Amino acid sequence: MPGLSVTEKTHWKDRIARRIDKRIEALHAEDPHFTDRVQREARDRALQSLGLAELQAELVQTEQGEAVFEQRKTAIRRAMLARIRGVSGEEVDDTPGYAASQEVTAAIQRRQAVHTDELFAAHDLGRRILQLREEKDNLLDTVWLATSPAQIKTLWSKVADLLGDPQTQLQRDALAIAPLDAT
């Protein structure tokens, strides 16, 4: 019996990924606000661990104090540009670029992701979600392992041992599947 084609392997990877997604959604349904709470706490931890918590609090306070001023500045800029263009103020998009702000936001988001995983790992529900996400991230390798000859399975195991990489449960199960005969 011949092995699976790339198209068939992709089909099974996608099919299994959909099942994992459904299970993750079911876990989220057990506590619908769990992820939101974790995200908020992870952001707070990210700001703390980056040494930005006090600065962020000051920034929020400053932004609140400047809100009316900024709104008026925007309205004036929009009105001036609208008058020059001969259009209404609503038709003018006055969005300046904030490269530095975007860089800070990206750093916070990267650090927040680390803290999100830490917070997930601290709860049974979160650990189950992380385990399923890991299985999903490794699903293509797992499908290929399940349908690979013995030599590839052996090599995969030896590389994992050499690198000290733990295998997911599905990968261990895939390695245990007897290879198809090449005849």
N, C-alpha and C. Protein backbone atom coordinates (compact mmCIF):
# COMPACT_ATOMS: atom_id res chain seq x y z
N MET A 1 0.85 -1.18 0.00
CA MET A 1 0.00 0.00 0.00
C MET A 1 0.89 1.24 0.00
N PRO A 2 0.71 2.16 -0.93
CA PRO A 2 1.56 3.35 -0.99
C PRO A 2 1.23 4.31 0.16
N GLY A 3 2.20 5.21 0.47
CA GLY A 3 2.00 6.21 1.52
C GLY A 3 1.04 7.29 1.06
N LEU A 4 0.75 8.21 1.96
CA LEU A 4 -0.16 9.30 1.64
C LEU A 4 0.55 10.36 0.80
N SER A 5 -0.18 10.99 -0.10
CA SER A 5 0.37 12.08 -0.89
C SER A 5 0.46 13.32 -0.02
N VAL A 6 1.18 14.33 -0.51
CA VAL A 6 1.29 15.59 0.21
C VAL A 6 -0.10 16.20 0.41
N THR A 7 -0.94 16.11 -0.60
CA THR A 7 -2.30 16.65 -0.49
C THR A 7 -3.09 15.93 0.59
N GLU A 8 -2.95 14.62 0.65
CA GLU A 8 -3.67 13.85 1.68
C GLU A 8 -3.14 14.18 3.07
N LYS A 9 -1.82 14.32 3.19
CA LYS A 9 -1.24 14.67 4.50
C LYS A 9 -1.72 16.05 4.93
N THR A 10 -1.76 16.99 4.00
CA THR A 10 -2.24 18.32 4.30
C THR A 10 -3.71 18.28 4.73
N HIS A 11 -4.49 17.47 4.02
CA HIS A 11 -5.90 17.32 4.40
C HIS A 11 -6.02 16.85 5.85
N TRP A 12 -5.27 15.81 6.21
CA TRP A 12 -5.37 15.27 7.56
C TRP A 12 -4.84 16.24 8.59
N LYS A 13 -3.79 16.98 8.26
CA LYS A 13 -3.28 18.00 9.17
C LYS A 13 -4.36 19.04 9.43
N ASP A 14 -4.99 19.54 8.35
CA ASP A 14 -6.05 20.55 8.49
C ASP A 14 -7.24 20.00 9.27
N ARG A 15 -7.59 18.77 8.99
CA ARG A 15 -8.75 18.14 9.66
C ARG A 15 -8.50 18.01 11.16
N ILE A 16 -7.30 17.54 11.53
CA ILE A 16 -6.96 17.39 12.94
C ILE A 16 -6.87 18.76 13.61
N ALA A 17 -6.32 19.74 12.91
CA ALA A 17 -6.21 21.10 13.46
C ALA A 17 -7.60 21.65 13.77
N ARG A 18 -8.57 21.40 12.90
CA ARG A 18 -9.94 21.87 13.17
C ARG A 18 -10.49 21.21 14.43
N ARG A 19 -10.20 19.93 14.62
CA ARG A 19 -10.69 19.25 15.83
C ARG A 19 -10.03 19.84 17.07
N ILE A 20 -8.73 20.14 16.98
CA ILE A 20 -8.04 20.75 18.11
C ILE A 20 -8.63 22.13 18.39
N ASP A 21 -8.89 22.92 17.35
CA ASP A 21 -9.50 24.23 17.53
C ASP A 21 -10.84 24.13 18.25
N LYS A 22 -11.65 23.14 17.87
CA LYS A 22 -12.94 22.94 18.53
C LYS A 22 -12.76 22.64 20.02
N ARG A 23 -11.76 21.83 20.33
CA ARG A 23 -11.51 21.47 21.72
C ARG A 23 -11.03 22.68 22.51
N ILE A 24 -10.17 23.49 21.91
CA ILE A 24 -9.70 24.71 22.57
C ILE A 24 -10.88 25.63 22.84
N GLU A 25 -11.79 25.76 21.87
CA GLU A 25 -12.98 26.59 22.07
C GLU A 25 -13.83 26.04 23.21
N ALA A 26 -13.94 24.73 23.30
CA ALA A 26 -14.71 24.13 24.40
C ALA A 26 -14.05 24.45 25.74
N LEU A 27 -12.73 24.41 25.79
CA LEU A 27 -12.03 24.75 27.02
C LEU A 27 -12.25 26.23 27.35
N HIS A 28 -12.22 27.09 26.36
CA HIS A 28 -12.49 28.51 26.60
C HIS A 28 -13.92 28.69 27.13
N ALA A 29 -14.85 27.88 26.66
CA ALA A 29 -16.24 28.00 27.10
C ALA A 29 -16.39 27.63 28.57
N GLU A 30 -15.50 26.80 29.11
CA GLU A 30 -15.57 26.44 30.53
C GLU A 30 -15.42 27.68 31.42
N ASP A 31 -14.62 28.63 30.97
CA ASP A 31 -14.44 29.88 31.69
C ASP A 31 -14.23 30.97 30.64
N PRO A 32 -15.31 31.55 30.13
CA PRO A 32 -15.22 32.48 29.00
C PRO A 32 -14.32 33.69 29.25
N HIS A 33 -14.11 34.06 30.48
CA HIS A 33 -13.31 35.25 30.77
C HIS A 33 -11.89 34.91 31.16
N PHE A 34 -11.54 33.63 31.17
CA PHE A 34 -10.20 33.18 31.58
C PHE A 34 -9.11 33.84 30.73
N THR A 35 -9.24 33.77 29.42
CA THR A 35 -8.21 34.30 28.53
C THR A 35 -8.10 35.82 28.69
N ASP A 36 -9.22 36.52 28.83
CA ASP A 36 -9.17 37.97 29.02
C ASP A 36 -8.43 38.32 30.32
N ARG A 37 -8.74 37.58 31.38
CA ARG A 37 -8.05 37.83 32.66
C ARG A 37 -6.55 37.57 32.52
N VAL A 38 -6.21 36.47 31.87
CA VAL A 38 -4.80 36.14 31.68
C VAL A 38 -4.11 37.20 30.84
N GLN A 39 -4.77 37.66 29.77
CA GLN A 39 -4.17 38.69 28.90
C GLN A 39 -3.92 39.98 29.68
N ARG A 40 -4.89 40.39 30.51
CA ARG A 40 -4.71 41.61 31.30
C ARG A 40 -3.56 41.46 32.28
N GLU A 41 -3.53 40.32 32.98
CA GLU A 41 -2.46 40.10 33.95
C GLU A 41 -1.11 39.96 33.25
N ALA A 42 -1.09 39.32 32.08
CA ALA A 42 0.16 39.17 31.34
C ALA A 42 0.68 40.54 30.90
N ARG A 43 -0.22 41.41 30.46
CA ARG A 43 0.21 42.77 30.08
C ARG A 43 0.76 43.51 31.28
N ASP A 44 0.09 43.40 32.42
CA ASP A 44 0.59 44.05 33.63
C ASP A 44 1.98 43.51 33.98
N ARG A 45 2.14 42.20 33.90
CA ARG A 45 3.45 41.59 34.19
C ARG A 45 4.50 42.02 33.17
N ALA A 46 4.10 42.13 31.91
CA ALA A 46 5.04 42.56 30.87
C ALA A 46 5.53 43.98 31.18
N LEU A 47 4.59 44.86 31.54
CA LEU A 47 4.98 46.22 31.88
C LEU A 47 5.88 46.25 33.11
N GLN A 48 5.57 45.41 34.10
CA GLN A 48 6.39 45.33 35.31
C GLN A 48 7.79 44.80 34.98
N SER A 49 7.86 43.68 34.27
CA SER A 49 9.17 43.05 34.02
C SER A 49 10.04 43.87 33.07
N LEU A 50 9.41 44.71 32.24
CA LEU A 50 10.18 45.61 31.37
C LEU A 50 10.51 46.93 32.08
N GLY A 51 10.03 47.09 33.32
CA GLY A 51 10.27 48.32 34.06
C GLY A 51 9.47 49.49 33.53
N LEU A 52 8.32 49.21 32.94
CA LEU A 52 7.52 50.25 32.31
C LEU A 52 6.22 50.55 33.05
N ALA A 53 5.94 49.88 34.15
CA ALA A 53 4.64 50.02 34.82
C ALA A 53 4.40 51.46 35.29
N GLU A 54 5.38 52.06 35.96
CA GLU A 54 5.18 53.43 36.44
C GLU A 54 5.07 54.40 35.27
N LEU A 55 5.91 54.19 34.26
CA LEU A 55 5.85 55.07 33.10
C LEU A 55 4.52 54.92 32.37
N GLN A 56 4.02 53.69 32.28
CA GLN A 56 2.74 53.46 31.63
C GLN A 56 1.61 54.14 32.40
N ALA A 57 1.66 54.05 33.74
CA ALA A 57 0.64 54.71 34.56
C ALA A 57 0.70 56.22 34.36
N GLU A 58 1.91 56.76 34.32
CA GLU A 58 2.07 58.20 34.08
C GLU A 58 1.58 58.58 32.68
N LEU A 59 1.87 57.72 31.71
CA LEU A 59 1.42 57.97 30.34
C LEU A 59 -0.10 58.00 30.27
N VAL A 60 -0.75 57.04 30.92
CA VAL A 60 -2.21 56.99 30.92
C VAL A 60 -2.78 58.26 31.56
N GLN A 61 -2.20 58.65 32.67
CA GLN A 61 -2.67 59.85 33.35
C GLN A 61 -2.47 61.08 32.47
N THR A 62 -1.32 61.18 31.83
CA THR A 62 -1.04 62.31 30.94
C THR A 62 -1.98 62.32 29.75
N GLU A 63 -2.20 61.13 29.17
CA GLU A 63 -3.11 61.05 28.02
C GLU A 63 -4.52 61.46 28.40
N GLN A 64 -4.95 61.08 29.59
CA GLN A 64 -6.29 61.47 30.03
C GLN A 64 -6.38 62.99 30.19
N GLY A 65 -5.30 63.59 30.70
CA GLY A 65 -5.29 65.03 30.89
C GLY A 65 -5.22 65.79 29.57
N GLU A 66 -4.65 65.17 28.56
CA GLU A 66 -4.50 65.83 27.26
C GLU A 66 -5.59 65.46 26.27
N ALA A 67 -6.53 64.64 26.66
CA ALA A 67 -7.53 64.14 25.72
C ALA A 67 -8.30 65.27 25.03
N VAL A 68 -8.77 66.23 25.80
CA VAL A 68 -9.53 67.34 25.21
C VAL A 68 -8.63 68.16 24.30
N PHE A 69 -7.42 68.45 24.76
CA PHE A 69 -6.47 69.21 23.98
C PHE A 69 -6.18 68.51 22.64
N GLU A 70 -5.93 67.21 22.67
CA GLU A 70 -5.62 66.44 21.46
C GLU A 70 -6.82 66.41 20.51
N GLN A 71 -7.99 66.26 21.07
CA GLN A 71 -9.18 66.26 20.22
C GLN A 71 -9.34 67.60 19.51
N ARG A 72 -9.08 68.66 20.22
CA ARG A 72 -9.21 69.99 19.61
C ARG A 72 -8.14 70.20 18.55
N LYS A 73 -6.89 69.78 18.83
CA LYS A 73 -5.81 69.89 17.84
C LYS A 73 -6.16 69.11 16.58
N THR A 74 -6.69 67.92 16.76
CA THR A 74 -7.08 67.10 15.61
C THR A 74 -8.18 67.77 14.82
N ALA A 75 -9.14 68.31 15.52
CA ALA A 75 -10.25 68.99 14.83
C ALA A 75 -9.76 70.20 14.05
N ILE A 76 -8.83 70.97 14.63
CA ILE A 76 -8.30 72.14 13.93
C ILE A 76 -7.51 71.71 12.70
N ARG A 77 -6.63 70.71 12.86
CA ARG A 77 -5.85 70.21 11.72
C ARG A 77 -6.77 69.70 10.61
N ARG A 78 -7.77 68.97 11.02
CA ARG A 78 -8.71 68.43 10.04
C ARG A 78 -9.45 69.56 9.31
N ALA A 79 -9.85 70.57 10.06
CA ALA A 79 -10.58 71.70 9.47
C ALA A 79 -9.69 72.47 8.50
N MET A 80 -8.43 72.65 8.89
CA MET A 80 -7.50 73.36 8.00
C MET A 80 -7.29 72.57 6.70
N LEU A 81 -7.03 71.28 6.83
CA LEU A 81 -6.79 70.45 5.66
C LEU A 81 -8.05 70.36 4.80
N ALA A 82 -9.19 70.26 5.47
CA ALA A 82 -10.46 70.19 4.74
C ALA A 82 -10.70 71.48 3.95
N ARG A 83 -10.38 72.61 4.58
CA ARG A 83 -10.59 73.88 3.90
C ARG A 83 -9.67 73.99 2.68
N ILE A 84 -8.43 73.57 2.83
CA ILE A 84 -7.48 73.62 1.72
C ILE A 84 -7.93 72.71 0.59
N ARG A 85 -8.42 71.51 0.94
CA ARG A 85 -8.86 70.54 -0.07
C ARG A 85 -10.26 70.84 -0.59
N GLY A 86 -10.97 71.66 0.10
CA GLY A 86 -12.34 71.96 -0.31
C GLY A 86 -13.30 70.82 -0.05
N VAL A 87 -13.05 70.07 1.04
CA VAL A 87 -13.91 68.94 1.41
C VAL A 87 -14.34 69.11 2.87
N SER A 88 -15.21 68.21 3.33
CA SER A 88 -15.65 68.28 4.73
C SER A 88 -14.57 67.68 5.64
N GLY A 89 -14.60 68.07 6.90
CA GLY A 89 -13.63 67.57 7.88
C GLY A 89 -13.66 66.07 8.08
N GLU A 90 -14.84 65.49 7.89
CA GLU A 90 -14.97 64.04 8.06
C GLU A 90 -14.25 63.25 6.97
N GLU A 91 -14.01 63.88 5.85
CA GLU A 91 -13.36 63.21 4.73
C GLU A 91 -11.84 63.21 4.84
N VAL A 92 -11.29 63.89 5.83
CA VAL A 92 -9.84 64.02 5.99
C VAL A 92 -9.35 63.03 7.02
N ASP A 93 -8.32 62.27 6.65
CA ASP A 93 -7.70 61.32 7.57
C ASP A 93 -6.37 61.91 8.02
N ASP A 94 -6.27 62.29 9.28
CA ASP A 94 -5.08 62.93 9.82
C ASP A 94 -4.39 61.99 10.80
N THR A 95 -3.93 60.86 10.29
CA THR A 95 -3.30 59.86 11.15
C THR A 95 -1.79 59.90 10.98
N PRO A 96 -1.06 60.52 11.91
CA PRO A 96 0.40 60.56 11.80
C PRO A 96 1.01 59.21 12.16
N GLY A 97 2.23 58.95 11.68
CA GLY A 97 2.92 57.70 12.00
C GLY A 97 3.61 57.80 13.34
N TYR A 98 3.54 56.75 14.09
CA TYR A 98 4.16 56.71 15.40
C TYR A 98 5.09 55.49 15.48
N ALA A 99 6.21 55.56 14.78
CA ALA A 99 7.13 54.42 14.72
C ALA A 99 7.63 54.04 16.11
N ALA A 100 8.00 55.03 16.92
CA ALA A 100 8.51 54.73 18.26
C ALA A 100 7.43 54.08 19.12
N SER A 101 6.22 54.62 19.03
CA SER A 101 5.11 54.06 19.79
C SER A 101 4.81 52.63 19.35
N GLN A 102 4.89 52.38 18.05
CA GLN A 102 4.65 51.04 17.53
C GLN A 102 5.71 50.07 18.02
N GLU A 103 6.94 50.53 18.10
CA GLU A 103 8.03 49.67 18.59
C GLU A 103 7.81 49.28 20.05
N VAL A 104 7.41 50.25 20.87
CA VAL A 104 7.11 49.97 22.28
C VAL A 104 5.94 49.00 22.38
N THR A 105 4.91 49.24 21.59
CA THR A 105 3.74 48.36 21.60
C THR A 105 4.14 46.95 21.21
N ALA A 106 5.00 46.81 20.19
CA ALA A 106 5.44 45.47 19.76
C ALA A 106 6.23 44.77 20.87
N ALA A 107 7.10 45.52 21.56
CA ALA A 107 7.88 44.92 22.66
C ALA A 107 6.95 44.46 23.79
N ILE A 108 5.96 45.26 24.10
CA ILE A 108 5.00 44.89 25.14
C ILE A 108 4.24 43.64 24.72
N GLN A 109 3.82 43.58 23.47
CA GLN A 109 3.05 42.42 23.00
C GLN A 109 3.89 41.15 23.03
N ARG A 110 5.17 41.25 22.64
CA ARG A 110 6.05 40.07 22.70
C ARG A 110 6.21 39.59 24.14
N ARG A 111 6.46 40.54 25.04
CA ARG A 111 6.64 40.17 26.45
C ARG A 111 5.33 39.66 27.04
N GLN A 112 4.21 40.25 26.63
CA GLN A 112 2.90 39.82 27.10
C GLN A 112 2.65 38.37 26.70
N ALA A 113 3.08 37.98 25.50
CA ALA A 113 2.90 36.60 25.05
C ALA A 113 3.64 35.64 25.97
N VAL A 114 4.85 36.02 26.39
CA VAL A 114 5.62 35.17 27.31
C VAL A 114 4.87 35.03 28.63
N HIS A 115 4.39 36.15 29.16
CA HIS A 115 3.67 36.11 30.43
C HIS A 115 2.32 35.40 30.30
N THR A 116 1.70 35.50 29.15
CA THR A 116 0.45 34.78 28.93
C THR A 116 0.70 33.28 29.07
N ASP A 117 1.76 32.79 28.43
CA ASP A 117 2.08 31.37 28.54
C ASP A 117 2.40 30.99 29.99
N GLU A 118 3.11 31.86 30.71
CA GLU A 118 3.41 31.59 32.12
C GLU A 118 2.11 31.46 32.93
N LEU A 119 1.20 32.39 32.68
CA LEU A 119 -0.07 32.37 33.43
C LEU A 119 -0.93 31.18 33.04
N PHE A 120 -0.94 30.83 31.75
CA PHE A 120 -1.65 29.62 31.32
C PHE A 120 -1.06 28.40 32.02
N ALA A 121 0.27 28.34 32.08
CA ALA A 121 0.94 27.18 32.67
C ALA A 121 0.65 27.04 34.17
N ALA A 122 0.21 28.12 34.81
CA ALA A 122 -0.07 28.09 36.24
C ALA A 122 -1.46 27.55 36.56
N HIS A 123 -2.27 27.28 35.54
CA HIS A 123 -3.64 26.81 35.75
C HIS A 123 -3.87 25.54 34.93
N ASP A 124 -4.67 24.64 35.48
CA ASP A 124 -4.96 23.40 34.76
C ASP A 124 -5.58 23.67 33.40
N LEU A 125 -6.56 24.56 33.37
CA LEU A 125 -7.21 24.90 32.10
C LEU A 125 -6.19 25.47 31.12
N GLY A 126 -5.35 26.36 31.58
CA GLY A 126 -4.33 26.95 30.72
C GLY A 126 -3.33 25.93 30.22
N ARG A 127 -2.93 24.99 31.09
CA ARG A 127 -1.98 23.94 30.67
C ARG A 127 -2.59 23.08 29.58
N ARG A 128 -3.87 22.78 29.69
CA ARG A 128 -4.53 21.98 28.65
C ARG A 128 -4.56 22.74 27.33
N ILE A 129 -4.84 24.05 27.40
CA ILE A 129 -4.84 24.87 26.18
C ILE A 129 -3.44 24.92 25.58
N LEU A 130 -2.42 25.13 26.40
CA LEU A 130 -1.04 25.16 25.89
C LEU A 130 -0.65 23.84 25.25
N GLN A 131 -1.05 22.73 25.87
CA GLN A 131 -0.72 21.41 25.31
C GLN A 131 -1.36 21.24 23.93
N LEU A 132 -2.62 21.64 23.82
CA LEU A 132 -3.31 21.52 22.53
C LEU A 132 -2.70 22.45 21.48
N ARG A 133 -2.31 23.64 21.90
CA ARG A 133 -1.67 24.56 20.96
C ARG A 133 -0.34 23.98 20.46
N GLU A 134 0.41 23.38 21.37
CA GLU A 134 1.69 22.77 20.97
C GLU A 134 1.45 21.63 19.98
N GLU A 135 0.45 20.80 20.27
CA GLU A 135 0.13 19.72 19.33
C GLU A 135 -0.23 20.30 17.97
N LYS A 136 -1.02 21.36 17.96
CA LYS A 136 -1.43 21.97 16.70
C LYS A 136 -0.23 22.56 15.97
N ASP A 137 0.66 23.24 16.69
CA ASP A 137 1.85 23.83 16.07
C ASP A 137 2.74 22.77 15.43
N ASN A 138 2.74 21.57 16.00
CA ASN A 138 3.60 20.50 15.51
C ASN A 138 2.86 19.49 14.63
N LEU A 139 1.64 19.83 14.27
CA LEU A 139 0.77 18.88 13.58
C LEU A 139 1.32 18.41 12.24
N LEU A 140 1.89 19.30 11.46
CA LEU A 140 2.42 18.88 10.15
C LEU A 140 3.53 17.85 10.32
N ASP A 141 4.46 18.10 11.25
CA ASP A 141 5.51 17.12 11.54
C ASP A 141 4.91 15.80 12.00
N THR A 142 3.89 15.89 12.83
CA THR A 142 3.25 14.69 13.36
C THR A 142 2.62 13.85 12.25
N VAL A 143 1.91 14.51 11.34
CA VAL A 143 1.29 13.79 10.22
C VAL A 143 2.37 13.12 9.36
N TRP A 144 3.44 13.86 9.09
CA TRP A 144 4.52 13.28 8.28
C TRP A 144 5.17 12.11 9.03
N LEU A 145 5.37 12.25 10.33
CA LEU A 145 5.95 11.14 11.10
C LEU A 145 5.07 9.89 11.05
N ALA A 146 3.77 10.11 11.17
CA ALA A 146 2.85 8.97 11.18
C ALA A 146 2.88 8.20 9.87
N THR A 147 3.26 8.88 8.78
CA THR A 147 3.23 8.24 7.46
C THR A 147 4.63 8.04 6.88
N SER A 148 5.66 8.16 7.72
CA SER A 148 7.04 8.05 7.25
C SER A 148 7.59 6.64 7.44
N PRO A 149 8.64 6.31 6.67
CA PRO A 149 9.30 5.01 6.84
C PRO A 149 10.06 4.96 8.16
N ALA A 150 10.44 3.77 8.53
CA ALA A 150 11.12 3.54 9.81
C ALA A 150 12.40 4.35 9.94
N GLN A 151 13.14 4.54 8.84
CA GLN A 151 14.40 5.27 8.91
C GLN A 151 14.18 6.73 9.34
N ILE A 152 13.14 7.35 8.81
CA ILE A 152 12.85 8.74 9.17
C ILE A 152 12.41 8.82 10.62
N LYS A 153 11.58 7.86 11.04
CA LYS A 153 11.12 7.86 12.43
C LYS A 153 12.31 7.70 13.39
N THR A 154 13.23 6.82 13.04
CA THR A 154 14.41 6.61 13.88
C THR A 154 15.26 7.87 13.92
N LEU A 155 15.49 8.46 12.75
CA LEU A 155 16.28 9.69 12.68
C LEU A 155 15.63 10.80 13.50
N TRP A 156 14.32 10.96 13.37
CA TRP A 156 13.59 11.99 14.11
C TRP A 156 13.80 11.81 15.62
N SER A 157 13.68 10.57 16.08
CA SER A 157 13.86 10.29 17.51
C SER A 157 15.28 10.61 17.97
N LYS A 158 16.26 10.26 17.14
CA LYS A 158 17.66 10.51 17.50
C LYS A 158 17.96 12.01 17.53
N VAL A 159 17.42 12.75 16.58
CA VAL A 159 17.62 14.21 16.57
C VAL A 159 16.97 14.83 17.81
N ALA A 160 15.76 14.39 18.13
CA ALA A 160 15.07 14.92 19.32
C ALA A 160 15.89 14.63 20.58
N ASP A 161 16.43 13.41 20.67
CA ASP A 161 17.27 13.05 21.83
C ASP A 161 18.53 13.92 21.87
N LEU A 162 19.17 14.11 20.72
CA LEU A 162 20.39 14.89 20.63
C LEU A 162 20.13 16.34 21.06
N LEU A 163 19.03 16.91 20.62
CA LEU A 163 18.72 18.30 20.93
C LEU A 163 18.04 18.47 22.29
N GLY A 164 17.62 17.36 22.89
CA GLY A 164 16.91 17.44 24.16
C GLY A 164 15.51 17.99 24.01
N ASP A 165 14.94 17.85 22.82
CA ASP A 165 13.59 18.34 22.57
C ASP A 165 12.57 17.29 22.97
N PRO A 166 11.68 17.61 23.88
CA PRO A 166 10.63 16.64 24.20
C PRO A 166 9.64 16.54 23.04
N GLN A 167 9.11 15.36 22.83
CA GLN A 167 8.14 15.15 21.77
C GLN A 167 6.74 15.28 22.35
N THR A 168 5.83 15.74 21.53
CA THR A 168 4.45 15.85 21.99
C THR A 168 3.85 14.44 22.07
N GLN A 169 2.72 14.34 22.74
CA GLN A 169 2.06 13.04 22.86
C GLN A 169 1.69 12.50 21.48
N LEU A 170 1.16 13.33 20.61
CA LEU A 170 0.79 12.86 19.27
C LEU A 170 2.02 12.43 18.48
N GLN A 171 3.16 13.11 18.66
CA GLN A 171 4.38 12.68 17.97
C GLN A 171 4.85 11.32 18.49
N ARG A 172 4.78 11.13 19.80
CA ARG A 172 5.15 9.81 20.34
C ARG A 172 4.23 8.73 19.78
N ASP A 173 2.94 9.06 19.70
CA ASP A 173 1.99 8.10 19.13
C ASP A 173 2.27 7.86 17.66
N ALA A 174 2.61 8.90 16.92
CA ALA A 174 2.91 8.77 15.49
C ALA A 174 4.15 7.91 15.27
N LEU A 175 5.14 8.08 16.13
CA LEU A 175 6.36 7.26 16.00
C LEU A 175 6.07 5.79 16.27
N ALA A 176 5.03 5.50 17.05
CA ALA A 176 4.69 4.13 17.40
C ALA A 176 3.90 3.44 16.29
N ILE A 177 3.40 4.21 15.34
CA ILE A 177 2.64 3.62 14.23
C ILE A 177 3.61 2.87 13.32
N ALA A 178 3.25 1.64 13.02
CA ALA A 178 4.12 0.84 12.15
C ALA A 178 4.16 1.46 10.75
N PRO A 179 5.38 1.59 10.17
CA PRO A 179 5.49 2.17 8.83
C PRO A 179 4.83 1.27 7.79
N LEU A 180 4.34 1.90 6.71
CA LEU A 180 3.75 1.14 5.61
C LEU A 180 4.84 0.45 4.83
N ASP A 181 4.51 -0.70 4.27
CA ASP A 181 5.46 -1.39 3.39
C ASP A 181 5.65 -0.56 2.14
N ALA A 182 6.88 -0.52 1.64
CA ALA A 182 7.20 0.24 0.44
C ALA A 182 6.90 -0.56 -0.82
N THR A 183 6.29 -1.71 -0.68
CA THR A 183 6.04 -2.55 -1.85
C THR A 183 4.82 -2.14 -2.60
